[in-house]
Amino acid sequence: MTDCYRPLVQGGAVRPEGATPLAGGPLWFTHAERLGRDRRGEIVPAKDIPPAQLERLTAPRAPVAGLEMTRPQIMGILNVTPDSFSDGGRHNAPDAALAAARAMIEAGAAIIDVGGESTRPGAALVPEDEEIARTAPVIRALAAQTDTPISIDTRKAAVAAAALEAGAHLVNDVAGFTFDPALAPLCADRAVPVCVMHSQGDPETMQLNPTYDDVVLDVYDFLAGRVTALERAGIPRARIVIDPGIGFGKTQDHNLALLRNLSVFHGIGCAILLGVSRKRFIGDIGKEPRADARAPGSIAVGLAGLAQGVQILRVHDVAETAQAIRLWQAVR
């Protein structure tokens, strides 16, 4: 890889000379850390970043599924599964799923992410017909009742096709479009936005012994490579969201390294989604063993992500997150 640049992100209306906008949003930077396989800690002025890389760091991000990327957006998690790690079985009845989705929208969710296959550590593969039976009816009913965009969280082309037919607007693949070779062509043909996430291994084995040469640069290279592959498949970069995959094949140290360096991923030139809600490392650091009691820690990490320019937070606790964002924006 060539060197990449981690903007030292700042905010506020008063900006020094030479300040450069971050991803076309309200945050900005004057300097960045140059990162390479053999270097760390070299701070350079923004004006010294190579033009092509500076353009990707600064260019405005196109709207995604109709959502503006110039302000934080909340993606509400709707797991219609019996075994998800923090809310398994709570929403797998259609009426309960619809009620939960409506509540999240009312609380401030800008998009609902519907998933029918648990991706918690140790989870087994779900047959695609079963995954379709869980997700498509809920998406169809939800699409008939609201104009809020809907995302399908799946690795499988058949599931995505059924979801798009039912009214979904975005395909969110935790496998980074490496699991099913038919998924990227489907999304290109339907001209829908996608979210590509990094994961080391599959959910059943990903936490057994995750290792990296350099987790930040390894994840960066993976996501940059997948974006290029998706472009070649016919999906424009403007329709691609990237997700570093916190907790997916990562130790606590890996997660923290990625969170400290989130702003480097703006160099790929896509909007960034951050999903940390209720994850194990939040429970470990925050000393909260109950997954559904980890809203405070999840919000703290989410706000730290927003301070680095992340555009979308994927969360379980929508009302609490929306309240926190309103206050965060007010004081900034």
C-alpha atoms as a PDB file:
ATOM      1  CA  MET A   1       0.000   0.000   0.000  1.00  0.00           C
ATOM      2  CA  THR A   2       0.984   3.650  -0.317  1.00  0.00           C
ATOM      3  CA  ASP A   3       1.003   5.807   2.788  1.00  0.00           C
ATOM      4  CA  CYS A   4      -2.385   6.960   4.056  1.00  0.00           C
ATOM      5  CA  TYR A   5      -3.287   9.964   6.171  1.00  0.00           C
ATOM      6  CA  ARG A   6      -5.189  10.237   9.438  1.00  0.00           C
ATOM      7  CA  PRO A   7      -6.699  13.737   9.726  1.00  0.00           C
ATOM      8  CA  LEU A   8      -6.361  15.336  13.157  1.00  0.00           C
ATOM      9  CA  VAL A   9     -10.016  16.302  13.250  1.00  0.00           C
ATOM     10  CA  GLN A  10     -11.301  19.485  14.842  1.00  0.00           C
ATOM     11  CA  GLY A  11     -14.622  21.337  14.986  1.00  0.00           C
ATOM     12  CA  GLY A  12     -15.964  24.803  15.519  1.00  0.00           C
ATOM     13  CA  ALA A  13     -16.962  27.793  13.418  1.00  0.00           C
ATOM     14  CA  VAL A  14     -13.644  29.620  13.902  1.00  0.00           C
ATOM     15  CA  ARG A  15     -11.047  28.000  11.671  1.00  0.00           C
ATOM     16  CA  PRO A  16      -7.364  28.830  11.202  1.00  0.00           C
ATOM     17  CA  GLU A  17      -5.900  29.581   7.823  1.00  0.00           C
ATOM     18  CA  GLY A  18      -5.282  26.376   5.901  1.00  0.00           C
ATOM     19  CA  ALA A  19      -8.136  24.467   7.536  1.00  0.00           C
ATOM     20  CA  THR A  20      -9.632  21.867   5.194  1.00  0.00           C
ATOM     21  CA  PRO A  21     -13.159  20.414   5.472  1.00  0.00           C
ATOM     22  CA  LEU A  22     -13.433  16.726   6.344  1.00  0.00           C
ATOM     23  CA  ALA A  23     -15.593  14.819   3.852  1.00  0.00           C
ATOM     24  CA  GLY A  24     -17.521  17.987   3.026  1.00  0.00           C
ATOM     25  CA  GLY A  25     -19.006  18.142   6.523  1.00  0.00           C
ATOM     26  CA  PRO A  26     -18.784  20.580   9.443  1.00  0.00           C
ATOM     27  CA  LEU A  27     -15.521  19.163  10.842  1.00  0.00           C
ATOM     28  CA  TRP A  28     -12.096  20.161   9.541  1.00  0.00           C
ATOM     29  CA  PHE A  29      -8.376  19.586   9.884  1.00  0.00           C
ATOM     30  CA  THR A  30      -5.141  21.451   9.337  1.00  0.00           C
ATOM     31  CA  HIS A  31      -2.737  18.517   9.808  1.00  0.00           C
ATOM     32  CA  ALA A  32      -2.715  14.756   9.477  1.00  0.00           C
ATOM     33  CA  GLU A  33      -0.607  11.828  10.636  1.00  0.00           C
ATOM     34  CA  ARG A  34       1.075   9.983   7.785  1.00  0.00           C
ATOM     35  CA  LEU A  35       0.690   6.222   8.307  1.00  0.00           C
ATOM     36  CA  GLY A  36       2.682   3.491   6.627  1.00  0.00           C
ATOM     37  CA  ARG A  37       3.862   0.000   7.367  1.00  0.00           C
ATOM     38  CA  ASP A  38       7.170   1.360   8.631  1.00  0.00           C
ATOM     39  CA  ARG A  39       6.136   4.740  10.012  1.00  0.00           C
ATOM     40  CA  ARG A  40       3.994   6.318  12.734  1.00  0.00           C
ATOM     41  CA  GLY A  41       3.795   9.722  14.347  1.00  0.00           C
ATOM     42  CA  GLU A  42       4.873  11.927  11.416  1.00  0.00           C
ATOM     43  CA  ILE A  43       2.554  14.950  11.349  1.00  0.00           C
ATOM     44  CA  VAL A  44       2.215  16.840   8.057  1.00  0.00           C
ATOM     45  CA  PRO A  45       0.216  19.936   7.052  1.00  0.00           C
ATOM     46  CA  ALA A  46      -2.921  19.219   5.059  1.00  0.00           C
ATOM     47  CA  LYS A  47      -1.443  21.091   2.100  1.00  0.00           C
ATOM     48  CA  ASP A  48       1.354  18.502   1.894  1.00  0.00           C
ATOM     49  CA  ILE A  49      -1.003  15.543   1.449  1.00  0.00           C
ATOM     50  CA  PRO A  50      -0.857  14.270  -2.163  1.00  0.00           C
ATOM     51  CA  PRO A  51      -3.687  15.889  -4.158  1.00  0.00           C
ATOM     52  CA  ALA A  52      -5.578  12.703  -4.998  1.00  0.00           C
ATOM     53  CA  GLN A  53      -5.597  11.576  -1.364  1.00  0.00           C
ATOM     54  CA  LEU A  54      -6.517  15.030  -0.107  1.00  0.00           C
ATOM     55  CA  GLU A  55      -9.437  15.088  -2.536  1.00  0.00           C
ATOM     56  CA  ARG A  56     -10.821  11.859  -1.093  1.00  0.00           C
ATOM     57  CA  LEU A  57     -10.394  13.135   2.469  1.00  0.00           C
ATOM     58  CA  THR A  58     -12.202  16.393   1.780  1.00  0.00           C
ATOM     59  CA  ALA A  59     -14.790  15.788  -0.974  1.00  0.00           C
ATOM     60  CA  PRO A  60     -18.456  15.918   0.104  1.00  0.00           C
ATOM     61  CA  ARG A  61     -20.103  12.527   0.416  1.00  0.00           C
ATOM     62  CA  ALA A  62     -23.183  11.916  -1.713  1.00  0.00           C
ATOM     63  CA  PRO A  63     -26.485  11.182   0.042  1.00  0.00           C
ATOM     64  CA  VAL A  64     -26.989   7.499   0.866  1.00  0.00           C
ATOM     65  CA  ALA A  65     -30.513   6.073   0.446  1.00  0.00           C
ATOM     66  CA  GLY A  66     -31.703   9.681   0.466  1.00  0.00           C
ATOM     67  CA  LEU A  67     -29.898  10.526   3.728  1.00  0.00           C
ATOM     68  CA  GLU A  68     -27.588  13.521   3.823  1.00  0.00           C
ATOM     69  CA  MET A  69     -24.054  12.711   4.938  1.00  0.00           C
ATOM     70  CA  THR A  70     -23.361  16.249   6.205  1.00  0.00           C
ATOM     71  CA  ARG A  71     -24.917  15.431   9.582  1.00  0.00           C
ATOM     72  CA  PRO A  72     -24.976  12.332  11.820  1.00  0.00           C
ATOM     73  CA  GLN A  73     -27.526   9.691  10.887  1.00  0.00           C
ATOM     74  CA  ILE A  74     -28.820   6.892  13.102  1.00  0.00           C
ATOM     75  CA  MET A  75     -29.355   3.370  11.774  1.00  0.00           C
ATOM     76  CA  GLY A  76     -31.691   1.432  14.061  1.00  0.00           C
ATOM     77  CA  ILE A  77     -30.962  -2.278  14.486  1.00  0.00           C
ATOM     78  CA  LEU A  78     -33.921  -4.616  13.986  1.00  0.00           C
ATOM     79  CA  ASN A  79     -32.866  -8.230  14.499  1.00  0.00           C
ATOM     80  CA  VAL A  80     -35.658 -10.619  13.475  1.00  0.00           C
ATOM     81  CA  THR A  81     -33.713 -13.585  14.804  1.00  0.00           C
ATOM     82  CA  PRO A  82     -34.058 -15.908  17.799  1.00  0.00           C
ATOM     83  CA  ASP A  83     -30.383 -15.744  18.759  1.00  0.00           C
ATOM     84  CA  SER A  84     -28.798 -12.297  18.308  1.00  0.00           C
ATOM     85  CA  PHE A  85     -26.388 -11.464  21.085  1.00  0.00           C
ATOM     86  CA  SER A  86     -28.345  -8.727  22.906  1.00  0.00           C
ATOM     87  CA  ASP A  87     -31.969  -8.908  21.741  1.00  0.00           C
ATOM     88  CA  GLY A  88     -32.377 -12.401  20.283  1.00  0.00           C
ATOM     89  CA  GLY A  89     -36.022 -13.438  20.053  1.00  0.00           C
ATOM     90  CA  ARG A  90     -37.391 -10.045  21.078  1.00  0.00           C
ATOM     91  CA  HIS A  91     -38.414  -9.011  17.558  1.00  0.00           C
ATOM     92  CA  ASN A  92     -38.695 -12.246  15.591  1.00  0.00           C
ATOM     93  CA  ALA A  93     -42.512 -12.097  15.619  1.00  0.00           C
ATOM     94  CA  PRO A  94     -43.643  -9.784  12.776  1.00  0.00           C
ATOM     95  CA  ASP A  95     -45.934  -7.631  14.953  1.00  0.00           C
ATOM     96  CA  ALA A  96     -43.176  -7.130  17.528  1.00  0.00           C
ATOM     97  CA  ALA A  97     -40.672  -6.274  14.790  1.00  0.00           C
ATOM     98  CA  LEU A  98     -42.973  -3.673  13.234  1.00  0.00           C
ATOM     99  CA  ALA A  99     -43.723  -2.099  16.611  1.00  0.00           C
ATOM    100  CA  ALA A 100     -40.007  -1.901  17.403  1.00  0.00           C
ATOM    101  CA  ALA A 101     -39.240  -0.338  14.013  1.00  0.00           C
ATOM    102  CA  ARG A 102     -41.957   2.275  14.392  1.00  0.00           C
ATOM    103  CA  ALA A 103     -40.658   3.134  17.857  1.00  0.00           C
ATOM    104  CA  MET A 104     -37.114   3.562  16.540  1.00  0.00           C
ATOM    105  CA  ILE A 105     -38.295   5.803  13.701  1.00  0.00           C
ATOM    106  CA  GLU A 106     -40.294   7.948  16.114  1.00  0.00           C
ATOM    107  CA  ALA A 107     -37.228   8.187  18.377  1.00  0.00           C
ATOM    108  CA  GLY A 108     -34.959   9.413  15.587  1.00  0.00           C
ATOM    109  CA  ALA A 109     -33.753   6.505  13.437  1.00  0.00           C
ATOM    110  CA  ALA A 110     -33.147   7.675   9.870  1.00  0.00           C
ATOM    111  CA  ILE A 111     -32.854   4.125   8.498  1.00  0.00           C
ATOM    112  CA  ILE A 112     -33.813   0.679   9.831  1.00  0.00           C
ATOM    113  CA  ASP A 113     -31.405  -2.245   9.374  1.00  0.00           C
ATOM    114  CA  VAL A 114     -33.280  -5.563   9.248  1.00  0.00           C
ATOM    115  CA  GLY A 115     -31.276  -8.719   9.866  1.00  0.00           C
ATOM    116  CA  GLY A 116     -32.394 -12.340   9.808  1.00  0.00           C
ATOM    117  CA  GLU A 117     -29.092 -14.079  10.549  1.00  0.00           C
ATOM    118  CA  SER A 118     -27.225 -13.555  13.801  1.00  0.00           C
ATOM    119  CA  THR A 119     -23.594 -12.563  13.305  1.00  0.00           C
ATOM    120  CA  ARG A 120     -22.642 -12.801  16.978  1.00  0.00           C
ATOM    121  CA  PRO A 121     -19.420 -14.711  17.689  1.00  0.00           C
ATOM    122  CA  GLY A 122     -20.071 -18.433  17.319  1.00  0.00           C
ATOM    123  CA  ALA A 123     -23.280 -18.044  15.298  1.00  0.00           C
ATOM    124  CA  ALA A 124     -23.983 -20.710  12.667  1.00  0.00           C
ATOM    125  CA  LEU A 125     -25.021 -20.115   9.061  1.00  0.00           C
ATOM    126  CA  VAL A 126     -28.773 -19.701   8.489  1.00  0.00           C
ATOM    127  CA  PRO A 127     -30.256 -21.243   5.307  1.00  0.00           C
ATOM    128  CA  GLU A 128     -31.254 -18.535   2.848  1.00  0.00           C
ATOM    129  CA  ASP A 129     -34.921 -19.611   2.627  1.00  0.00           C
ATOM    130  CA  GLU A 130     -35.233 -19.304   6.396  1.00  0.00           C
ATOM    131  CA  GLU A 131     -33.496 -15.910   6.345  1.00  0.00           C
ATOM    132  CA  ILE A 132     -35.892 -14.710   3.621  1.00  0.00           C
ATOM    133  CA  ALA A 133     -38.897 -15.937   5.620  1.00  0.00           C
ATOM    134  CA  ARG A 134     -37.709 -13.916   8.611  1.00  0.00           C
ATOM    135  CA  THR A 135     -36.868 -10.671   6.822  1.00  0.00           C
ATOM    136  CA  ALA A 136     -38.938 -10.145   3.668  1.00  0.00           C
ATOM    137  CA  PRO A 137     -42.405 -10.015   5.331  1.00  0.00           C
ATOM    138  CA  VAL A 138     -41.195  -7.495   7.909  1.00  0.00           C
ATOM    139  CA  ILE A 139     -39.577  -5.319   5.245  1.00  0.00           C
ATOM    140  CA  ARG A 140     -42.689  -5.471   3.069  1.00  0.00           C
ATOM    141  CA  ALA A 141     -44.959  -4.442   5.929  1.00  0.00           C
ATOM    142  CA  LEU A 142     -42.592  -1.726   7.103  1.00  0.00           C
ATOM    143  CA  ALA A 143     -42.179  -0.304   3.595  1.00  0.00           C
ATOM    144  CA  ALA A 144     -45.966  -0.078   3.307  1.00  0.00           C
ATOM    145  CA  GLN A 145     -46.212   1.918   6.534  1.00  0.00           C
ATOM    146  CA  THR A 146     -43.310   4.377   6.368  1.00  0.00           C
ATOM    147  CA  ASP A 147     -41.091   6.327   3.992  1.00  0.00           C
ATOM    148  CA  THR A 148     -38.051   5.671   6.200  1.00  0.00           C
ATOM    149  CA  PRO A 149     -35.284   3.869   4.265  1.00  0.00           C
ATOM    150  CA  ILE A 150     -34.767   0.189   5.065  1.00  0.00           C
ATOM    151  CA  SER A 151     -31.503  -1.743   4.960  1.00  0.00           C
ATOM    152  CA  ILE A 152     -31.177  -5.506   4.619  1.00  0.00           C
ATOM    153  CA  ASP A 153     -28.328  -6.956   6.674  1.00  0.00           C
ATOM    154  CA  THR A 154     -27.298 -10.066   4.754  1.00  0.00           C
ATOM    155  CA  ARG A 155     -24.401 -11.878   3.092  1.00  0.00           C
ATOM    156  CA  LYS A 156     -26.587 -13.662   0.531  1.00  0.00           C
ATOM    157  CA  ALA A 157     -27.789 -12.513  -2.890  1.00  0.00           C
ATOM    158  CA  ALA A 158     -31.087 -14.407  -2.714  1.00  0.00           C
ATOM    159  CA  VAL A 159     -31.944 -12.794   0.615  1.00  0.00           C
ATOM    160  CA  ALA A 160     -30.978  -9.349  -0.677  1.00  0.00           C
ATOM    161  CA  ALA A 161     -33.062  -9.846  -3.839  1.00  0.00           C
ATOM    162  CA  ALA A 162     -36.134 -10.771  -1.797  1.00  0.00           C
ATOM    163  CA  ALA A 163     -35.564  -7.807   0.517  1.00  0.00           C
ATOM    164  CA  LEU A 164     -35.174  -5.350  -2.361  1.00  0.00           C
ATOM    165  CA  GLU A 165     -38.345  -6.726  -3.941  1.00  0.00           C
ATOM    166  CA  ALA A 166     -40.101  -6.200  -0.596  1.00  0.00           C
ATOM    167  CA  GLY A 167     -38.984  -2.556  -0.422  1.00  0.00           C
ATOM    168  CA  ALA A 168     -35.458  -2.388   1.035  1.00  0.00           C
ATOM    169  CA  HIS A 169     -33.203   0.472  -0.098  1.00  0.00           C
ATOM    170  CA  LEU A 170     -29.666  -0.578   0.944  1.00  0.00           C
ATOM    171  CA  VAL A 171     -27.697  -3.822   1.261  1.00  0.00           C
ATOM    172  CA  ASN A 172     -25.424  -4.130   4.305  1.00  0.00           C
ATOM    173  CA  ASP A 173     -22.982  -7.058   4.073  1.00  0.00           C
ATOM    174  CA  VAL A 174     -20.894  -7.948   7.118  1.00  0.00           C
ATOM    175  CA  ALA A 175     -18.748 -10.172   4.896  1.00  0.00           C
ATOM    176  CA  GLY A 176     -17.625  -7.267   2.730  1.00  0.00           C
ATOM    177  CA  PHE A 177     -19.148  -8.803  -0.422  1.00  0.00           C
ATOM    178  CA  THR A 178     -16.780 -11.779  -0.237  1.00  0.00           C
ATOM    179  CA  PHE A 179     -19.301 -14.467   0.828  1.00  0.00           C
ATOM    180  CA  ASP A 180     -21.643 -14.615  -2.185  1.00  0.00           C
ATOM    181  CA  PRO A 181     -20.195 -13.651  -5.589  1.00  0.00           C
ATOM    182  CA  ALA A 182     -23.709 -12.927  -6.896  1.00  0.00           C
ATOM    183  CA  LEU A 183     -24.394 -10.168  -4.353  1.00  0.00           C
ATOM    184  CA  ALA A 184     -22.340  -7.330  -5.882  1.00  0.00           C
ATOM    185  CA  PRO A 185     -23.738  -7.838  -9.422  1.00  0.00           C
ATOM    186  CA  LEU A 186     -27.257  -7.857  -7.961  1.00  0.00           C
ATOM    187  CA  CYS A 187     -26.664  -4.532  -6.183  1.00  0.00           C
ATOM    188  CA  ALA A 188     -25.097  -3.041  -9.295  1.00  0.00           C
ATOM    189  CA  ASP A 189     -28.052  -4.158 -11.420  1.00  0.00           C
ATOM    190  CA  ARG A 190     -30.571  -2.731  -8.931  1.00  0.00           C
ATOM    191  CA  ALA A 191     -28.531   0.501  -8.514  1.00  0.00           C
ATOM    192  CA  VAL A 192     -28.817   0.397  -4.713  1.00  0.00           C
ATOM    193  CA  PRO A 193     -26.299   1.706  -2.190  1.00  0.00           C
ATOM    194  CA  VAL A 194     -24.293  -0.819  -0.207  1.00  0.00           C
ATOM    195  CA  CYS A 195     -22.348  -1.012   3.026  1.00  0.00           C
ATOM    196  CA  VAL A 196     -19.149  -3.064   2.936  1.00  0.00           C
ATOM    197  CA  MET A 197     -17.786  -4.196   6.294  1.00  0.00           C
ATOM    198  CA  HIS A 198     -14.476  -5.725   7.320  1.00  0.00           C
ATOM    199  CA  SER A 199     -14.512  -9.040   9.144  1.00  0.00           C
ATOM    200  CA  GLN A 200     -11.717 -11.522   9.704  1.00  0.00           C
ATOM    201  CA  GLY A 201     -13.249 -14.981   9.316  1.00  0.00           C
ATOM    202  CA  ASP A 202     -16.944 -15.833   9.566  1.00  0.00           C
ATOM    203  CA  PRO A 203     -19.153 -15.350  12.650  1.00  0.00           C
ATOM    204  CA  GLU A 204     -18.750 -18.966  13.724  1.00  0.00           C
ATOM    205  CA  THR A 205     -14.938 -18.731  14.014  1.00  0.00           C
ATOM    206  CA  MET A 206     -13.969 -15.043  13.903  1.00  0.00           C
ATOM    207  CA  GLN A 207     -13.132 -14.613  17.586  1.00  0.00           C
ATOM    208  CA  LEU A 208     -11.014 -17.753  18.016  1.00  0.00           C
ATOM    209  CA  ASN A 209      -7.622 -16.092  17.391  1.00  0.00           C
ATOM    210  CA  PRO A 210      -7.807 -12.880  15.337  1.00  0.00           C
ATOM    211  CA  THR A 211      -4.355 -11.640  14.294  1.00  0.00           C
ATOM    212  CA  TYR A 212      -3.098  -8.748  12.146  1.00  0.00           C
ATOM    213  CA  ASP A 213       0.225  -7.335  11.019  1.00  0.00           C
ATOM    214  CA  ASP A 214      -1.198  -3.838  11.651  1.00  0.00           C
ATOM    215  CA  VAL A 215      -4.938  -3.819  12.324  1.00  0.00           C
ATOM    216  CA  VAL A 216      -5.521  -0.230  11.157  1.00  0.00           C
ATOM    217  CA  LEU A 217      -3.635  -0.597   7.887  1.00  0.00           C
ATOM    218  CA  ASP A 218      -4.865  -4.151   7.280  1.00  0.00           C
ATOM    219  CA  VAL A 219      -8.496  -3.071   7.637  1.00  0.00           C
ATOM    220  CA  TYR A 220      -7.837   0.044   5.523  1.00  0.00           C
ATOM    221  CA  ASP A 221      -6.297  -2.042   2.730  1.00  0.00           C
ATOM    222  CA  PHE A 222      -9.158  -4.543   2.838  1.00  0.00           C
ATOM    223  CA  LEU A 223     -11.852  -1.862   2.620  1.00  0.00           C
ATOM    224  CA  ALA A 224     -10.010   0.077  -0.084  1.00  0.00           C
ATOM    225  CA  GLY A 225      -9.647  -3.137  -2.077  1.00  0.00           C
ATOM    226  CA  ARG A 226     -13.297  -4.064  -1.682  1.00  0.00           C
ATOM    227  CA  VAL A 227     -14.421  -0.593  -2.765  1.00  0.00           C
ATOM    228  CA  THR A 228     -12.287  -0.923  -5.900  1.00  0.00           C
ATOM    229  CA  ALA A 229     -13.766  -4.386  -6.566  1.00  0.00           C
ATOM    230  CA  LEU A 230     -17.311  -3.064  -6.125  1.00  0.00           C
ATOM    231  CA  GLU A 231     -16.586  -0.206  -8.520  1.00  0.00           C
ATOM    232  CA  ARG A 232     -15.415  -2.741 -11.090  1.00  0.00           C
ATOM    233  CA  ALA A 233     -18.653  -4.648 -10.517  1.00  0.00           C
ATOM    234  CA  GLY A 234     -20.612  -1.515 -11.418  1.00  0.00           C
ATOM    235  CA  ILE A 235     -21.311   0.101  -8.043  1.00  0.00           C
ATOM    236  CA  PRO A 236     -20.071   3.718  -7.967  1.00  0.00           C
ATOM    237  CA  ARG A 237     -17.983   4.814  -4.998  1.00  0.00           C
ATOM    238  CA  ALA A 238     -20.672   7.409  -4.207  1.00  0.00           C
ATOM    239  CA  ARG A 239     -23.081   4.546  -3.405  1.00  0.00           C
ATOM    240  CA  ILE A 240     -20.654   2.698  -1.108  1.00  0.00           C
ATOM    241  CA  VAL A 241     -20.518   3.024   2.688  1.00  0.00           C
ATOM    242  CA  ILE A 242     -17.615   1.452   4.589  1.00  0.00           C
ATOM    243  CA  ASP A 243     -17.597  -0.085   8.077  1.00  0.00           C
ATOM    244  CA  PRO A 244     -14.362  -1.097   9.896  1.00  0.00           C
ATOM    245  CA  GLY A 245     -16.226  -3.966  11.561  1.00  0.00           C
ATOM    246  CA  ILE A 246     -15.630  -3.333  15.254  1.00  0.00           C
ATOM    247  CA  GLY A 247     -15.867  -6.653  17.105  1.00  0.00           C
ATOM    248  CA  PHE A 248     -15.790  -8.816  13.984  1.00  0.00           C
ATOM    249  CA  GLY A 249     -12.590 -10.840  14.217  1.00  0.00           C
ATOM    250  CA  LYS A 250     -10.915  -8.343  16.565  1.00  0.00           C
ATOM    251  CA  THR A 251      -9.604  -8.360  20.100  1.00  0.00           C
ATOM    252  CA  GLN A 252     -10.238  -5.486  22.488  1.00  0.00           C
ATOM    253  CA  ASP A 253      -6.866  -3.976  21.557  1.00  0.00           C
ATOM    254  CA  HIS A 254      -7.730  -4.236  17.845  1.00  0.00           C
ATOM    255  CA  ASN A 255     -11.063  -2.507  18.441  1.00  0.00           C
ATOM    256  CA  LEU A 256      -9.466   0.330  20.391  1.00  0.00           C
ATOM    257  CA  ALA A 257      -6.759   0.854  17.772  1.00  0.00           C
ATOM    258  CA  LEU A 258      -9.402   1.166  15.060  1.00  0.00           C
ATOM    259  CA  LEU A 259     -11.505   3.552  17.138  1.00  0.00           C
ATOM    260  CA  ARG A 260      -8.512   5.804  17.841  1.00  0.00           C
ATOM    261  CA  ASN A 261      -7.732   5.963  14.113  1.00  0.00           C
ATOM    262  CA  LEU A 262     -11.199   6.117  12.553  1.00  0.00           C
ATOM    263  CA  SER A 263     -10.527   9.320  10.642  1.00  0.00           C
ATOM    264  CA  VAL A 264      -7.954   7.537   8.444  1.00  0.00           C
ATOM    265  CA  PHE A 265     -10.804   5.695   6.691  1.00  0.00           C
ATOM    266  CA  HIS A 266     -12.064   8.956   5.169  1.00  0.00           C
ATOM    267  CA  GLY A 267      -9.127   8.536   2.790  1.00  0.00           C
ATOM    268  CA  ILE A 268     -11.076   5.790   0.982  1.00  0.00           C
ATOM    269  CA  GLY A 269     -13.549   8.441  -0.131  1.00  0.00           C
ATOM    270  CA  CYS A 270     -16.766   6.879   1.206  1.00  0.00           C
ATOM    271  CA  ALA A 271     -19.193   7.609   4.016  1.00  0.00           C
ATOM    272  CA  ILE A 272     -18.339   5.684   7.195  1.00  0.00           C
ATOM    273  CA  LEU A 273     -20.701   3.594   9.314  1.00  0.00           C
ATOM    274  CA  LEU A 274     -19.728   2.706  12.881  1.00  0.00           C
ATOM    275  CA  GLY A 275     -21.368  -0.204  14.684  1.00  0.00           C
ATOM    276  CA  VAL A 276     -20.292  -0.564  18.307  1.00  0.00           C
ATOM    277  CA  SER A 277     -23.661  -0.847  20.015  1.00  0.00           C
ATOM    278  CA  ARG A 278     -23.673  -3.113  23.091  1.00  0.00           C
ATOM    279  CA  LYS A 279     -20.590  -5.038  21.965  1.00  0.00           C
ATOM    280  CA  ARG A 280     -18.505  -7.144  24.295  1.00  0.00           C
ATOM    281  CA  PHE A 281     -15.557  -4.773  24.584  1.00  0.00           C
ATOM    282  CA  ILE A 282     -17.939  -2.084  25.860  1.00  0.00           C
ATOM    283  CA  GLY A 283     -19.121  -4.478  28.537  1.00  0.00           C
ATOM    284  CA  ASP A 284     -15.568  -5.472  29.427  1.00  0.00           C
ATOM    285  CA  ILE A 285     -14.224  -1.917  29.696  1.00  0.00           C
ATOM    286  CA  GLY A 286     -17.434  -0.467  31.127  1.00  0.00           C
ATOM    287  CA  LYS A 287     -17.854  -3.345  33.609  1.00  0.00           C
ATOM    288  CA  GLU A 288     -21.371  -4.187  32.433  1.00  0.00           C
ATOM    289  CA  PRO A 289     -21.996  -7.880  31.715  1.00  0.00           C
ATOM    290  CA  ARG A 290     -25.603  -7.304  30.540  1.00  0.00           C
ATOM    291  CA  ALA A 291     -25.632  -6.469  26.835  1.00  0.00           C
ATOM    292  CA  ASP A 292     -28.917  -4.552  27.031  1.00  0.00           C
ATOM    293  CA  ALA A 293     -27.514  -2.280  29.770  1.00  0.00           C
ATOM    294  CA  ARG A 294     -24.590  -0.989  27.696  1.00  0.00           C
ATOM    295  CA  ALA A 295     -26.269   2.098  26.200  1.00  0.00           C
ATOM    296  CA  PRO A 296     -24.035   4.584  28.095  1.00  0.00           C
ATOM    297  CA  GLY A 297     -20.824   2.974  26.882  1.00  0.00           C
ATOM    298  CA  SER A 298     -22.187   2.530  23.367  1.00  0.00           C
ATOM    299  CA  ILE A 299     -23.138   6.209  23.198  1.00  0.00           C
ATOM    300  CA  ALA A 300     -19.746   7.318  24.517  1.00  0.00           C
ATOM    301  CA  VAL A 301     -17.938   5.408  21.795  1.00  0.00           C
ATOM    302  CA  GLY A 302     -20.442   6.536  19.162  1.00  0.00           C
ATOM    303  CA  LEU A 303     -19.887  10.201  20.008  1.00  0.00           C
ATOM    304  CA  ALA A 304     -16.133   9.648  19.829  1.00  0.00           C
ATOM    305  CA  GLY A 305     -16.738   8.311  16.319  1.00  0.00           C
ATOM    306  CA  LEU A 306     -18.814  11.340  15.353  1.00  0.00           C
ATOM    307  CA  ALA A 307     -15.955  13.554  16.541  1.00  0.00           C
ATOM    308  CA  GLN A 308     -13.807  11.834  13.894  1.00  0.00           C
ATOM    309  CA  GLY A 309     -16.361  12.481  11.165  1.00  0.00           C
ATOM    310  CA  VAL A 310     -18.272   9.188  11.107  1.00  0.00           C
ATOM    311  CA  GLN A 311     -21.564   9.771   9.286  1.00  0.00           C
ATOM    312  CA  ILE A 312     -23.752   6.836  10.427  1.00  0.00           C
ATOM    313  CA  LEU A 313     -24.114   5.175  13.831  1.00  0.00           C
ATOM    314  CA  ARG A 314     -25.711   1.713  13.860  1.00  0.00           C
ATOM    315  CA  VAL A 315     -27.371   1.321  17.272  1.00  0.00           C
ATOM    316  CA  HIS A 316     -29.886  -0.595  19.356  1.00  0.00           C
ATOM    317  CA  ASP A 317     -30.714   2.301  21.713  1.00  0.00           C
ATOM    318  CA  VAL A 318     -32.065   4.862  19.265  1.00  0.00           C
ATOM    319  CA  ALA A 319     -33.822   7.299  21.617  1.00  0.00           C
ATOM    320  CA  GLU A 320     -30.848   7.540  23.968  1.00  0.00           C
ATOM    321  CA  THR A 321     -28.412   7.965  21.075  1.00  0.00           C
ATOM    322  CA  ALA A 322     -30.555  10.637  19.417  1.00  0.00           C
ATOM    323  CA  GLN A 323     -30.723  12.598  22.655  1.00  0.00           C
ATOM    324  CA  ALA A 324     -26.961  12.364  23.104  1.00  0.00           C
ATOM    325  CA  ILE A 325     -26.315  13.543  19.538  1.00  0.00           C
ATOM    326  CA  ARG A 326     -28.603  16.561  19.984  1.00  0.00           C
ATOM    327  CA  LEU A 327     -26.637  17.622  23.059  1.00  0.00           C
ATOM    328  CA  TRP A 328     -23.285  16.865  21.412  1.00  0.00           C
ATOM    329  CA  GLN A 329     -24.225  19.043  18.459  1.00  0.00           C
ATOM    330  CA  ALA A 330     -25.505  21.853  20.689  1.00  0.00           C
ATOM    331  CA  VAL A 331     -22.330  22.196  22.714  1.00  0.00           C
ATOM    332  CA  ARG A 332     -20.104  21.933  19.634  1.00  0.00           C
END
